[in-house]
């Protein structure tokens, strides 16, 4: 816009109109967020679904406050899943995508292990029921997370996967997705009792053996 062009009156009004914040809504959103954080902390500590009373006590609110914002604990789990997916995506920015094979494997397993370590308790809540009994909204989130793992594998190991025919490629991707699943990480860390670095080494060495050699 040049200096001699007129500014529409309604634009001036729009600019000069003071911004109004809905304090009640902001407080409600903050309460909602603190309830989700309390839920996640209790999952990390106890490795089981916390009760509404436990969540309320940790968040510093009443049980009534929880059910004013979430219809039930299943709805809270769903909201927490959405929160975890958003945070997980932000924290798992791909690194060393164009690095050499060793750098890509190291970067991938480290990022994936961090996600599994942090979100495994919530994952177990979301997948605690048989597939046919999982609510559709929960099932959709579970599948979205699994697809994101597949997409990361396809990104990080693009040179090796490109060397395979489509059927072999798909088979390998599914095998790698199973290897680097939440369930696999839980088995390594809890069932077999491996420390962090040892569990990383298991994943990294297995991926190295499974990927085809490319020139």
N, C-alpha and C. Protein backbone atom coordinates (compact mmCIF):
# COMPACT_ATOMS: atom_id res chain seq x y z
N UNK A 1 0.86 -1.20 0.00
CA UNK A 1 0.00 0.00 0.00
C UNK A 1 0.88 1.24 0.00
N UNK A 2 0.62 2.20 -0.92
CA UNK A 2 1.37 3.45 -0.94
C UNK A 2 0.82 4.40 0.09
N UNK A 3 1.58 5.50 0.34
CA UNK A 3 1.21 6.41 1.40
C UNK A 3 -0.09 7.15 1.12
N UNK A 4 -0.48 7.32 -0.22
CA UNK A 4 -1.66 8.10 -0.52
C UNK A 4 -2.92 7.25 -0.63
N UNK A 5 -2.79 5.91 -0.47
CA UNK A 5 -3.96 5.06 -0.54
C UNK A 5 -4.76 5.18 0.75
N UNK A 6 -6.05 5.25 0.59
CA UNK A 6 -6.91 5.41 1.76
C UNK A 6 -7.06 4.09 2.49
N UNK A 7 -7.15 4.18 3.80
CA UNK A 7 -7.39 3.00 4.62
C UNK A 7 -8.89 2.91 4.87
N UNK A 8 -9.53 1.77 4.56
CA UNK A 8 -10.97 1.64 4.78
C UNK A 8 -11.33 1.89 6.23
N UNK A 9 -12.42 2.61 6.49
CA UNK A 9 -12.81 2.94 7.87
C UNK A 9 -12.98 1.70 8.74
N UNK A 10 -13.57 0.63 8.14
CA UNK A 10 -13.78 -0.56 8.96
C UNK A 10 -12.48 -1.20 9.38
N UNK A 11 -11.42 -1.02 8.56
CA UNK A 11 -10.11 -1.56 8.94
C UNK A 11 -9.57 -0.80 10.14
N UNK A 12 -9.78 0.53 10.16
CA UNK A 12 -9.32 1.32 11.30
C UNK A 12 -10.04 0.88 12.55
N UNK A 13 -11.36 0.66 12.42
CA UNK A 13 -12.13 0.22 13.57
C UNK A 13 -11.66 -1.13 14.08
N UNK A 14 -11.32 -2.00 13.11
CA UNK A 14 -10.88 -3.34 13.50
C UNK A 14 -9.57 -3.28 14.25
N UNK A 15 -8.66 -2.40 13.79
CA UNK A 15 -7.36 -2.27 14.44
C UNK A 15 -7.50 -1.65 15.81
N UNK A 16 -8.39 -0.65 15.91
CA UNK A 16 -8.50 0.07 17.17
C UNK A 16 -9.35 -0.65 18.19
N UNK A 17 -10.11 -1.68 17.75
CA UNK A 17 -10.96 -2.42 18.67
C UNK A 17 -10.09 -3.17 19.68
N UNK A 18 -10.26 -2.97 20.97
CA UNK A 18 -9.41 -3.65 21.96
C UNK A 18 -9.65 -5.16 21.94
N UNK A 19 -8.57 -5.92 22.15
CA UNK A 19 -8.65 -7.37 22.19
C UNK A 19 -9.20 -7.79 23.55
N UNK A 20 -10.22 -8.62 23.53
CA UNK A 20 -10.84 -9.07 24.77
C UNK A 20 -10.56 -10.56 24.97
N UNK A 21 -10.10 -10.91 26.11
CA UNK A 21 -9.82 -12.30 26.45
C UNK A 21 -10.92 -12.82 27.36
N UNK A 22 -11.34 -14.02 27.10
CA UNK A 22 -12.34 -14.67 27.94
C UNK A 22 -11.61 -15.35 29.10
N UNK A 23 -11.57 -14.65 30.25
CA UNK A 23 -10.81 -15.18 31.37
C UNK A 23 -11.33 -16.51 31.86
N UNK A 24 -12.64 -16.70 31.84
CA UNK A 24 -13.20 -17.97 32.30
C UNK A 24 -12.76 -19.12 31.41
N UNK A 25 -12.77 -18.86 30.09
CA UNK A 25 -12.35 -19.92 29.16
C UNK A 25 -10.87 -20.25 29.34
N UNK A 26 -10.05 -19.21 29.52
CA UNK A 26 -8.62 -19.44 29.72
C UNK A 26 -8.37 -20.26 30.98
N UNK A 27 -9.09 -19.94 32.05
CA UNK A 27 -8.94 -20.71 33.28
C UNK A 27 -9.38 -22.14 33.10
N UNK A 28 -10.46 -22.33 32.35
CA UNK A 28 -10.96 -23.68 32.11
C UNK A 28 -9.95 -24.50 31.31
N UNK A 29 -9.34 -23.87 30.30
CA UNK A 29 -8.33 -24.58 29.50
C UNK A 29 -7.11 -24.91 30.34
N UNK A 30 -6.73 -24.01 31.22
CA UNK A 30 -5.59 -24.28 32.11
C UNK A 30 -5.92 -25.44 33.04
N UNK A 31 -7.13 -25.45 33.58
CA UNK A 31 -7.54 -26.55 34.44
C UNK A 31 -7.51 -27.87 33.68
N UNK A 32 -8.02 -27.84 32.48
CA UNK A 32 -8.04 -29.04 31.63
C UNK A 32 -6.61 -29.56 31.41
N UNK A 33 -5.70 -28.64 31.11
CA UNK A 33 -4.31 -29.02 30.86
C UNK A 33 -3.67 -29.60 32.12
N UNK A 34 -3.92 -29.00 33.28
CA UNK A 34 -3.35 -29.49 34.53
C UNK A 34 -3.90 -30.87 34.90
N UNK A 35 -5.15 -31.13 34.56
CA UNK A 35 -5.73 -32.45 34.81
C UNK A 35 -5.03 -33.50 33.93
N UNK A 36 -4.81 -33.16 32.68
CA UNK A 36 -4.11 -34.08 31.77
C UNK A 36 -2.69 -34.34 32.27
N UNK A 37 -1.99 -33.29 32.70
CA UNK A 37 -0.63 -33.46 33.21
C UNK A 37 -0.63 -34.34 34.46
N UNK A 38 -1.59 -34.15 35.35
CA UNK A 38 -1.68 -34.97 36.55
C UNK A 38 -1.92 -36.43 36.19
N UNK A 39 -2.77 -36.66 35.23
CA UNK A 39 -3.06 -38.01 34.75
C UNK A 39 -1.79 -38.68 34.23
N UNK A 40 -1.03 -37.95 33.43
CA UNK A 40 0.21 -38.50 32.87
C UNK A 40 1.24 -38.80 33.96
N UNK A 41 1.38 -37.90 34.92
CA UNK A 41 2.33 -38.12 36.00
C UNK A 41 1.98 -39.36 36.81
N UNK A 42 0.70 -39.54 37.08
CA UNK A 42 0.27 -40.72 37.84
C UNK A 42 0.49 -42.00 37.05
N UNK A 43 0.28 -41.95 35.74
CA UNK A 43 0.56 -43.11 34.90
C UNK A 43 2.04 -43.48 34.96
N UNK A 44 2.90 -42.47 34.89
CA UNK A 44 4.34 -42.71 34.96
C UNK A 44 4.74 -43.33 36.29
N UNK A 45 4.13 -42.86 37.36
CA UNK A 45 4.51 -43.31 38.70
C UNK A 45 3.97 -44.70 39.03
N UNK A 46 2.71 -44.96 38.66
CA UNK A 46 2.05 -46.19 39.12
C UNK A 46 1.84 -47.23 38.02
N UNK A 47 2.02 -46.84 36.75
CA UNK A 47 1.88 -47.77 35.63
C UNK A 47 0.51 -48.44 35.60
N UNK A 48 -0.51 -47.70 35.96
CA UNK A 48 -1.90 -48.19 35.90
C UNK A 48 -2.82 -46.99 35.75
N UNK A 49 -4.06 -47.27 35.39
CA UNK A 49 -5.04 -46.19 35.28
C UNK A 49 -5.32 -45.59 36.65
N UNK A 50 -5.06 -44.31 36.84
CA UNK A 50 -5.35 -43.69 38.13
C UNK A 50 -6.85 -43.48 38.30
N UNK A 51 -7.29 -43.35 39.52
CA UNK A 51 -8.69 -43.06 39.79
C UNK A 51 -8.94 -41.56 39.63
N UNK A 52 -10.21 -41.22 39.53
CA UNK A 52 -10.56 -39.80 39.42
C UNK A 52 -10.12 -39.04 40.67
N UNK A 53 -10.24 -39.69 41.82
CA UNK A 53 -9.83 -39.04 43.07
C UNK A 53 -8.33 -38.77 43.08
N UNK A 54 -7.55 -39.73 42.60
CA UNK A 54 -6.09 -39.55 42.55
C UNK A 54 -5.72 -38.41 41.61
N UNK A 55 -6.38 -38.37 40.45
CA UNK A 55 -6.09 -37.31 39.48
C UNK A 55 -6.45 -35.95 40.06
N UNK A 56 -7.60 -35.88 40.68
CA UNK A 56 -8.05 -34.61 41.27
C UNK A 56 -7.08 -34.13 42.34
N UNK A 57 -6.64 -35.05 43.20
CA UNK A 57 -5.72 -34.68 44.27
C UNK A 57 -4.40 -34.18 43.71
N UNK A 58 -3.88 -34.87 42.68
CA UNK A 58 -2.60 -34.45 42.10
C UNK A 58 -2.73 -33.12 41.38
N UNK A 59 -3.84 -32.91 40.70
CA UNK A 59 -4.03 -31.67 39.94
C UNK A 59 -4.41 -30.49 40.84
N UNK A 60 -4.90 -30.80 42.05
CA UNK A 60 -5.31 -29.74 42.96
C UNK A 60 -6.72 -29.24 42.71
N UNK A 61 -7.54 -30.13 42.15
CA UNK A 61 -8.94 -29.77 41.88
C UNK A 61 -9.85 -30.83 42.48
N UNK A 62 -11.14 -30.59 42.37
CA UNK A 62 -12.11 -31.57 42.86
C UNK A 62 -12.41 -32.59 41.77
N UNK A 63 -12.95 -33.73 42.19
CA UNK A 63 -13.38 -34.74 41.21
C UNK A 63 -14.43 -34.13 40.29
N UNK A 64 -15.28 -33.29 40.85
CA UNK A 64 -16.30 -32.64 40.04
C UNK A 64 -15.68 -31.83 38.91
N UNK A 65 -14.56 -31.16 39.19
CA UNK A 65 -13.89 -30.37 38.15
C UNK A 65 -13.46 -31.24 36.98
N UNK A 66 -13.02 -32.47 37.27
CA UNK A 66 -12.62 -33.38 36.20
C UNK A 66 -13.80 -33.70 35.30
N UNK A 67 -14.92 -34.07 35.91
CA UNK A 67 -16.06 -34.51 35.12
C UNK A 67 -16.87 -33.35 34.55
N UNK A 68 -16.53 -32.13 34.92
CA UNK A 68 -17.09 -30.97 34.25
C UNK A 68 -16.39 -30.77 32.90
N UNK A 69 -15.19 -31.30 32.76
CA UNK A 69 -14.41 -31.11 31.54
C UNK A 69 -14.27 -32.38 30.71
N UNK A 70 -14.42 -33.52 31.34
CA UNK A 70 -14.34 -34.81 30.65
C UNK A 70 -15.54 -35.66 31.09
N UNK A 71 -16.23 -36.24 30.16
CA UNK A 71 -17.44 -37.00 30.51
C UNK A 71 -17.11 -38.21 31.37
N UNK A 72 -15.94 -38.83 31.13
CA UNK A 72 -15.51 -39.97 31.92
C UNK A 72 -14.00 -40.12 31.74
N UNK A 73 -13.43 -41.13 32.37
CA UNK A 73 -11.97 -41.32 32.27
C UNK A 73 -11.55 -41.75 30.88
N UNK A 74 -12.45 -42.37 30.14
CA UNK A 74 -12.14 -42.71 28.76
C UNK A 74 -11.97 -41.45 27.92
N UNK A 75 -12.83 -40.47 28.15
CA UNK A 75 -12.70 -39.19 27.45
C UNK A 75 -11.42 -38.48 27.85
N UNK A 76 -11.04 -38.60 29.11
CA UNK A 76 -9.76 -38.03 29.56
C UNK A 76 -8.60 -38.73 28.87
N UNK A 77 -8.67 -40.04 28.73
CA UNK A 77 -7.62 -40.78 28.04
C UNK A 77 -7.52 -40.34 26.58
N UNK A 78 -8.65 -40.11 25.95
CA UNK A 78 -8.66 -39.67 24.56
C UNK A 78 -8.02 -38.29 24.42
N UNK A 79 -8.39 -37.37 25.30
CA UNK A 79 -7.80 -36.04 25.27
C UNK A 79 -6.30 -36.09 25.54
N UNK A 80 -5.92 -36.98 26.45
CA UNK A 80 -4.50 -37.13 26.76
C UNK A 80 -3.75 -37.71 25.58
N UNK A 81 -4.39 -38.63 24.86
CA UNK A 81 -3.77 -39.19 23.65
C UNK A 81 -3.52 -38.10 22.62
N UNK A 82 -4.49 -37.23 22.42
CA UNK A 82 -4.31 -36.12 21.47
C UNK A 82 -3.17 -35.20 21.91
N UNK A 83 -3.11 -34.94 23.21
CA UNK A 83 -2.03 -34.12 23.75
C UNK A 83 -0.67 -34.81 23.52
N UNK A 84 -0.62 -36.10 23.81
CA UNK A 84 0.64 -36.83 23.66
C UNK A 84 1.09 -36.89 22.20
N UNK A 85 0.15 -37.07 21.29
CA UNK A 85 0.49 -37.12 19.87
C UNK A 85 1.08 -35.78 19.43
N UNK A 86 0.46 -34.69 19.85
CA UNK A 86 0.95 -33.36 19.48
C UNK A 86 2.34 -33.10 20.06
N UNK A 87 2.52 -33.41 21.34
CA UNK A 87 3.82 -33.20 21.98
C UNK A 87 4.87 -34.13 21.37
N UNK A 88 4.47 -35.38 21.15
CA UNK A 88 5.41 -36.35 20.58
C UNK A 88 5.91 -35.93 19.20
N UNK A 89 5.01 -35.41 18.38
CA UNK A 89 5.42 -34.94 17.05
C UNK A 89 6.39 -33.78 17.15
N UNK A 90 6.14 -32.89 18.10
CA UNK A 90 7.01 -31.73 18.26
C UNK A 90 8.40 -32.15 18.77
N UNK A 91 8.43 -33.15 19.64
CA UNK A 91 9.69 -33.58 20.24
C UNK A 91 10.51 -34.50 19.33
N UNK A 92 9.85 -35.12 18.37
CA UNK A 92 10.52 -36.14 17.55
C UNK A 92 10.89 -35.63 16.17
N UNK A 93 11.35 -34.42 16.10
CA UNK A 93 11.76 -33.86 14.81
C UNK A 93 12.87 -34.72 14.21
N UNK A 94 12.72 -35.14 12.94
CA UNK A 94 13.74 -36.01 12.33
C UNK A 94 15.11 -35.35 12.30
N UNK A 95 16.12 -36.12 12.61
CA UNK A 95 17.50 -35.64 12.57
C UNK A 95 18.36 -36.63 11.80
N UNK A 96 19.40 -36.12 11.16
CA UNK A 96 20.36 -36.95 10.41
C UNK A 96 19.69 -37.74 9.30
N UNK A 97 18.62 -37.19 8.72
CA UNK A 97 17.92 -37.89 7.64
C UNK A 97 18.84 -38.14 6.46
N UNK A 98 19.75 -37.23 6.20
CA UNK A 98 20.68 -37.38 5.08
C UNK A 98 22.06 -37.85 5.52
N UNK A 99 22.15 -38.33 6.76
CA UNK A 99 23.43 -38.81 7.25
C UNK A 99 23.78 -40.18 6.72
N UNK A 100 24.94 -40.68 7.13
CA UNK A 100 25.30 -42.03 6.70
C UNK A 100 24.44 -43.04 7.46
N UNK A 101 24.59 -44.28 7.09
CA UNK A 101 23.74 -45.34 7.64
C UNK A 101 23.80 -45.41 9.17
N UNK A 102 25.00 -45.39 9.70
CA UNK A 102 25.18 -45.48 11.16
C UNK A 102 24.54 -44.29 11.87
N UNK A 103 24.71 -43.09 11.31
CA UNK A 103 24.14 -41.90 11.93
C UNK A 103 22.62 -41.94 11.91
N UNK A 104 22.06 -42.42 10.81
CA UNK A 104 20.60 -42.49 10.71
C UNK A 104 20.03 -43.51 11.69
N UNK A 105 20.69 -44.66 11.80
CA UNK A 105 20.21 -45.67 12.75
C UNK A 105 20.30 -45.14 14.18
N UNK A 106 21.42 -44.55 14.52
CA UNK A 106 21.62 -44.03 15.87
C UNK A 106 20.59 -42.96 16.20
N UNK A 107 20.36 -42.04 15.26
CA UNK A 107 19.40 -40.97 15.48
C UNK A 107 17.99 -41.53 15.62
N UNK A 108 17.64 -42.45 14.76
CA UNK A 108 16.28 -43.01 14.78
C UNK A 108 15.99 -43.75 16.08
N UNK A 109 16.88 -44.65 16.48
CA UNK A 109 16.57 -45.45 17.66
C UNK A 109 16.55 -44.59 18.92
N UNK A 110 17.38 -43.57 18.96
CA UNK A 110 17.40 -42.69 20.14
C UNK A 110 16.09 -41.92 20.25
N UNK A 111 15.65 -41.33 19.13
CA UNK A 111 14.40 -40.57 19.14
C UNK A 111 13.22 -41.48 19.45
N UNK A 112 13.20 -42.65 18.84
CA UNK A 112 12.09 -43.57 19.05
C UNK A 112 12.06 -44.09 20.49
N UNK A 113 13.22 -44.39 21.04
CA UNK A 113 13.28 -44.88 22.42
C UNK A 113 12.82 -43.82 23.41
N UNK A 114 13.17 -42.57 23.17
CA UNK A 114 12.71 -41.49 24.05
C UNK A 114 11.18 -41.43 24.07
N UNK A 115 10.57 -41.56 22.90
CA UNK A 115 9.11 -41.54 22.83
C UNK A 115 8.50 -42.73 23.56
N UNK A 116 9.08 -43.90 23.35
CA UNK A 116 8.55 -45.10 24.00
C UNK A 116 8.70 -45.02 25.52
N UNK A 117 9.83 -44.54 25.97
CA UNK A 117 10.07 -44.41 27.40
C UNK A 117 9.06 -43.46 28.05
N UNK A 118 8.76 -42.38 27.36
CA UNK A 118 7.88 -41.35 27.92
C UNK A 118 6.41 -41.73 27.86
N UNK A 119 5.99 -42.34 26.75
CA UNK A 119 4.56 -42.54 26.52
C UNK A 119 4.09 -43.98 26.69
N UNK A 120 4.97 -44.91 27.05
CA UNK A 120 4.57 -46.31 27.19
C UNK A 120 3.41 -46.51 28.16
N UNK A 121 3.40 -45.89 29.35
CA UNK A 121 2.27 -46.10 30.26
C UNK A 121 0.92 -45.69 29.64
N UNK A 122 0.90 -44.56 28.95
CA UNK A 122 -0.33 -44.13 28.29
C UNK A 122 -0.70 -45.10 27.17
N UNK A 123 0.28 -45.55 26.42
CA UNK A 123 0.03 -46.50 25.33
C UNK A 123 -0.66 -47.76 25.85
N UNK A 124 -0.23 -48.22 26.99
CA UNK A 124 -0.83 -49.43 27.56
C UNK A 124 -2.28 -49.21 27.96
N UNK A 125 -2.60 -48.01 28.41
CA UNK A 125 -4.00 -47.70 28.72
C UNK A 125 -4.82 -47.70 27.44
N UNK A 126 -4.29 -47.08 26.39
CA UNK A 126 -5.02 -46.97 25.14
C UNK A 126 -5.23 -48.32 24.47
N UNK A 127 -4.27 -49.22 24.63
CA UNK A 127 -4.35 -50.53 23.95
C UNK A 127 -4.68 -51.66 24.92
N UNK A 128 -5.19 -51.30 26.09
CA UNK A 128 -5.44 -52.30 27.12
C UNK A 128 -6.56 -53.26 26.81
N UNK A 129 -7.45 -52.87 25.92
CA UNK A 129 -8.56 -53.74 25.55
C UNK A 129 -8.26 -54.44 24.23
N UNK A 130 -8.89 -55.59 23.98
CA UNK A 130 -8.76 -56.22 22.66
C UNK A 130 -9.20 -55.25 21.56
N UNK A 131 -8.65 -55.41 20.38
CA UNK A 131 -8.92 -54.48 19.28
C UNK A 131 -10.42 -54.28 19.07
N UNK A 132 -11.17 -55.38 19.09
CA UNK A 132 -12.60 -55.28 18.81
C UNK A 132 -13.38 -54.55 19.90
N UNK A 133 -12.76 -54.37 21.06
CA UNK A 133 -13.42 -53.68 22.16
C UNK A 133 -12.94 -52.24 22.34
N UNK A 134 -11.94 -51.84 21.58
CA UNK A 134 -11.44 -50.48 21.70
C UNK A 134 -12.44 -49.50 21.09
N UNK A 135 -12.76 -48.42 21.80
CA UNK A 135 -13.65 -47.40 21.23
C UNK A 135 -13.07 -46.88 19.91
N UNK A 136 -13.90 -46.57 18.95
CA UNK A 136 -13.41 -46.11 17.64
C UNK A 136 -12.44 -44.93 17.72
N UNK A 137 -12.72 -43.97 18.59
CA UNK A 137 -11.83 -42.81 18.70
C UNK A 137 -10.45 -43.20 19.21
N UNK A 138 -10.43 -44.10 20.18
CA UNK A 138 -9.14 -44.58 20.70
C UNK A 138 -8.42 -45.39 19.63
N UNK A 139 -9.15 -46.25 18.97
CA UNK A 139 -8.55 -47.09 17.92
C UNK A 139 -7.93 -46.23 16.82
N UNK A 140 -8.61 -45.15 16.47
CA UNK A 140 -8.08 -44.25 15.44
C UNK A 140 -6.75 -43.64 15.87
N UNK A 141 -6.64 -43.27 17.15
CA UNK A 141 -5.38 -42.71 17.64
C UNK A 141 -4.27 -43.75 17.64
N UNK A 142 -4.60 -44.96 18.03
CA UNK A 142 -3.60 -46.04 18.04
C UNK A 142 -3.06 -46.26 16.64
N UNK A 143 -3.94 -46.34 15.66
CA UNK A 143 -3.51 -46.57 14.28
C UNK A 143 -2.71 -45.38 13.75
N UNK A 144 -3.09 -44.17 14.16
CA UNK A 144 -2.34 -42.99 13.72
C UNK A 144 -0.91 -43.02 14.24
N UNK A 145 -0.74 -43.44 15.49
CA UNK A 145 0.60 -43.53 16.07
C UNK A 145 1.41 -44.61 15.36
N UNK A 146 0.79 -45.73 15.07
CA UNK A 146 1.51 -46.80 14.36
C UNK A 146 1.91 -46.34 12.95
N UNK A 147 1.03 -45.63 12.29
CA UNK A 147 1.36 -45.13 10.94
C UNK A 147 2.51 -44.12 11.01
N UNK A 148 2.52 -43.30 12.05
CA UNK A 148 3.60 -42.33 12.19
C UNK A 148 4.94 -43.03 12.36
N UNK A 149 4.96 -44.15 13.07
CA UNK A 149 6.19 -44.93 13.22
C UNK A 149 6.64 -45.46 11.86
N UNK A 150 5.70 -45.96 11.07
CA UNK A 150 6.03 -46.46 9.73
C UNK A 150 6.59 -45.34 8.86
N UNK A 151 5.94 -44.19 8.91
CA UNK A 151 6.41 -43.06 8.10
C UNK A 151 7.82 -42.63 8.50
N UNK A 152 8.13 -42.68 9.79
CA UNK A 152 9.47 -42.32 10.23
C UNK A 152 10.50 -43.34 9.72
N UNK A 153 10.14 -44.60 9.75
CA UNK A 153 11.03 -45.64 9.23
C UNK A 153 11.29 -45.42 7.74
N UNK A 154 10.24 -45.12 6.99
CA UNK A 154 10.40 -44.90 5.55
C UNK A 154 11.27 -43.69 5.27
N UNK A 155 11.20 -42.69 6.14
CA UNK A 155 12.02 -41.49 5.98
C UNK A 155 13.48 -41.76 6.32
N UNK A 156 13.71 -42.41 7.45
CA UNK A 156 15.09 -42.60 7.93
C UNK A 156 15.86 -43.63 7.12
N UNK A 157 15.17 -44.61 6.56
CA UNK A 157 15.87 -45.69 5.84
C UNK A 157 15.49 -45.72 4.36
N UNK A 158 15.25 -44.54 3.82
CA UNK A 158 14.85 -44.42 2.43
C UNK A 158 15.87 -45.04 1.46
N UNK A 159 17.19 -44.82 1.61
CA UNK A 159 18.14 -45.41 0.66
C UNK A 159 18.08 -46.94 0.63
N UNK A 160 17.97 -47.55 1.80
CA UNK A 160 17.94 -49.01 1.86
C UNK A 160 16.62 -49.56 1.33
N UNK A 161 15.53 -48.92 1.68
CA UNK A 161 14.22 -49.40 1.24
C UNK A 161 14.04 -49.25 -0.27
N UNK A 162 14.65 -48.22 -0.84
CA UNK A 162 14.55 -47.99 -2.28
C UNK A 162 15.21 -49.10 -3.08
N UNK A 163 16.10 -49.83 -2.46
CA UNK A 163 16.81 -50.90 -3.18
C UNK A 163 16.00 -52.18 -3.27
N UNK A 164 14.84 -52.23 -2.62
CA UNK A 164 14.04 -53.46 -2.57
C UNK A 164 12.84 -53.38 -3.50
N UNK A 165 12.35 -54.55 -3.89
CA UNK A 165 11.10 -54.59 -4.64
C UNK A 165 9.96 -54.27 -3.67
N UNK A 166 8.81 -53.86 -4.19
CA UNK A 166 7.71 -53.39 -3.31
C UNK A 166 7.31 -54.39 -2.22
N UNK A 167 7.18 -55.65 -2.56
CA UNK A 167 6.76 -56.63 -1.56
C UNK A 167 7.80 -56.78 -0.45
N UNK A 168 9.07 -56.88 -0.83
CA UNK A 168 10.13 -57.01 0.16
C UNK A 168 10.22 -55.75 1.01
N UNK A 169 10.01 -54.60 0.38
CA UNK A 169 10.07 -53.33 1.10
C UNK A 169 8.98 -53.28 2.16
N UNK A 170 7.75 -53.62 1.77
CA UNK A 170 6.64 -53.58 2.72
C UNK A 170 6.85 -54.55 3.88
N UNK A 171 7.37 -55.73 3.55
CA UNK A 171 7.63 -56.73 4.59
C UNK A 171 8.66 -56.22 5.59
N UNK A 172 9.73 -55.61 5.08
CA UNK A 172 10.78 -55.11 5.96
C UNK A 172 10.27 -53.96 6.82
N UNK A 173 9.49 -53.05 6.25
CA UNK A 173 8.96 -51.93 7.02
C UNK A 173 8.10 -52.42 8.17
N UNK A 174 7.25 -53.40 7.92
CA UNK A 174 6.40 -53.94 8.98
C UNK A 174 7.24 -54.63 10.06
N UNK A 175 8.29 -55.33 9.64
CA UNK A 175 9.17 -55.97 10.62
C UNK A 175 9.88 -54.92 11.48
N UNK A 176 10.34 -53.83 10.86
CA UNK A 176 11.02 -52.77 11.59
C UNK A 176 10.04 -52.04 12.52
N UNK A 177 8.80 -51.87 12.06
CA UNK A 177 7.80 -51.22 12.90
C UNK A 177 7.50 -52.06 14.13
N UNK A 178 7.45 -53.37 13.95
CA UNK A 178 7.22 -54.26 15.09
C UNK A 178 8.41 -54.24 16.04
N UNK A 179 9.61 -54.23 15.47
CA UNK A 179 10.83 -54.19 16.29
C UNK A 179 10.87 -52.94 17.16
N UNK A 180 10.47 -51.80 16.59
CA UNK A 180 10.59 -50.53 17.30
C UNK A 180 9.25 -50.07 17.89
N UNK A 181 8.40 -51.01 18.23
CA UNK A 181 7.10 -50.69 18.81
C UNK A 181 7.22 -50.39 20.30
N UNK A 182 6.17 -49.82 20.85
CA UNK A 182 6.10 -49.61 22.29
C UNK A 182 6.21 -50.94 23.03
N UNK A 183 5.54 -51.96 22.49
CA UNK A 183 5.55 -53.27 23.14
C UNK A 183 6.96 -53.84 23.20
N UNK A 184 7.72 -53.66 22.14
CA UNK A 184 9.10 -54.14 22.11
C UNK A 184 9.96 -53.42 23.14
N UNK A 185 9.81 -52.10 23.20
CA UNK A 185 10.61 -51.32 24.16
C UNK A 185 10.26 -51.72 25.59
N UNK A 186 8.98 -51.93 25.86
CA UNK A 186 8.57 -52.36 27.19
C UNK A 186 9.17 -53.71 27.56
N UNK A 187 9.22 -54.62 26.60
CA UNK A 187 9.81 -55.93 26.86
C UNK A 187 11.30 -55.81 27.19
N UNK A 188 12.01 -55.02 26.41
CA UNK A 188 13.45 -54.86 26.63
C UNK A 188 13.74 -54.22 27.99
N UNK A 189 13.01 -53.17 28.30
CA UNK A 189 13.30 -52.39 29.50
C UNK A 189 12.76 -53.03 30.78
N UNK A 190 11.57 -53.63 30.70
CA UNK A 190 10.92 -54.12 31.90
C UNK A 190 10.99 -55.64 32.04
N UNK A 191 10.66 -56.35 30.98
CA UNK A 191 10.68 -57.81 31.07
C UNK A 191 12.10 -58.36 31.14
N UNK A 192 12.98 -57.83 30.30
CA UNK A 192 14.37 -58.29 30.29
C UNK A 192 15.29 -57.42 31.14
N UNK A 193 14.79 -56.31 31.63
CA UNK A 193 15.55 -55.49 32.56
C UNK A 193 16.77 -54.81 31.99
N UNK A 194 16.78 -54.53 30.68
CA UNK A 194 17.95 -53.90 30.08
C UNK A 194 18.03 -52.42 30.42
N UNK A 195 19.22 -51.92 30.72
CA UNK A 195 19.38 -50.47 30.88
C UNK A 195 19.19 -49.77 29.55
N UNK A 196 19.05 -48.47 29.63
CA UNK A 196 18.76 -47.64 28.45
C UNK A 196 19.69 -47.93 27.27
N UNK A 197 21.00 -47.81 27.50
CA UNK A 197 21.96 -47.96 26.41
C UNK A 197 21.94 -49.37 25.83
N UNK A 198 21.78 -50.37 26.68
CA UNK A 198 21.74 -51.75 26.18
C UNK A 198 20.52 -51.99 25.31
N UNK A 199 19.39 -51.43 25.72
CA UNK A 199 18.17 -51.56 24.91
C UNK A 199 18.34 -50.85 23.56
N UNK A 200 18.96 -49.68 23.57
CA UNK A 200 19.25 -48.99 22.31
C UNK A 200 20.12 -49.85 21.41
N UNK A 201 21.12 -50.49 21.98
CA UNK A 201 22.04 -51.32 21.20
C UNK A 201 21.31 -52.50 20.55
N UNK A 202 20.34 -53.07 21.27
CA UNK A 202 19.57 -54.18 20.70
C UNK A 202 18.84 -53.71 19.45
N UNK A 203 18.15 -52.59 19.57
CA UNK A 203 17.43 -52.06 18.41
C UNK A 203 18.38 -51.72 17.27
N UNK A 204 19.46 -51.01 17.58
CA UNK A 204 20.37 -50.56 16.54
C UNK A 204 21.02 -51.73 15.82
N UNK A 205 21.48 -52.73 16.57
CA UNK A 205 22.14 -53.86 15.93
C UNK A 205 21.16 -54.68 15.10
N UNK A 206 19.91 -54.80 15.56
CA UNK A 206 18.92 -55.56 14.81
C UNK A 206 18.57 -54.82 13.50
N UNK A 207 18.41 -53.51 13.57
CA UNK A 207 18.12 -52.75 12.36
C UNK A 207 19.26 -52.84 11.37
N UNK A 208 20.48 -52.75 11.86
CA UNK A 208 21.65 -52.85 10.98
C UNK A 208 21.64 -54.18 10.23
N UNK A 209 21.29 -55.25 10.89
CA UNK A 209 21.27 -56.57 10.25
C UNK A 209 20.08 -56.73 9.28
N UNK A 210 18.99 -56.06 9.58
CA UNK A 210 17.78 -56.22 8.76
C UNK A 210 17.83 -55.38 7.48
N UNK A 211 18.49 -54.25 7.52
CA UNK A 211 18.54 -53.39 6.35
C UNK A 211 19.46 -53.97 5.28
N UNK A 212 19.05 -53.88 4.03
CA UNK A 212 19.94 -54.35 2.95
C UNK A 212 21.14 -53.41 2.79
N UNK A 213 22.23 -53.96 2.32
CA UNK A 213 23.41 -53.14 2.04
C UNK A 213 23.23 -52.43 0.71
N UNK A 214 23.54 -51.16 0.69
CA UNK A 214 23.46 -50.39 -0.56
C UNK A 214 24.80 -49.72 -0.81
N UNK A 215 25.08 -49.50 -2.05
CA UNK A 215 26.38 -48.89 -2.39
C UNK A 215 26.30 -47.38 -2.25
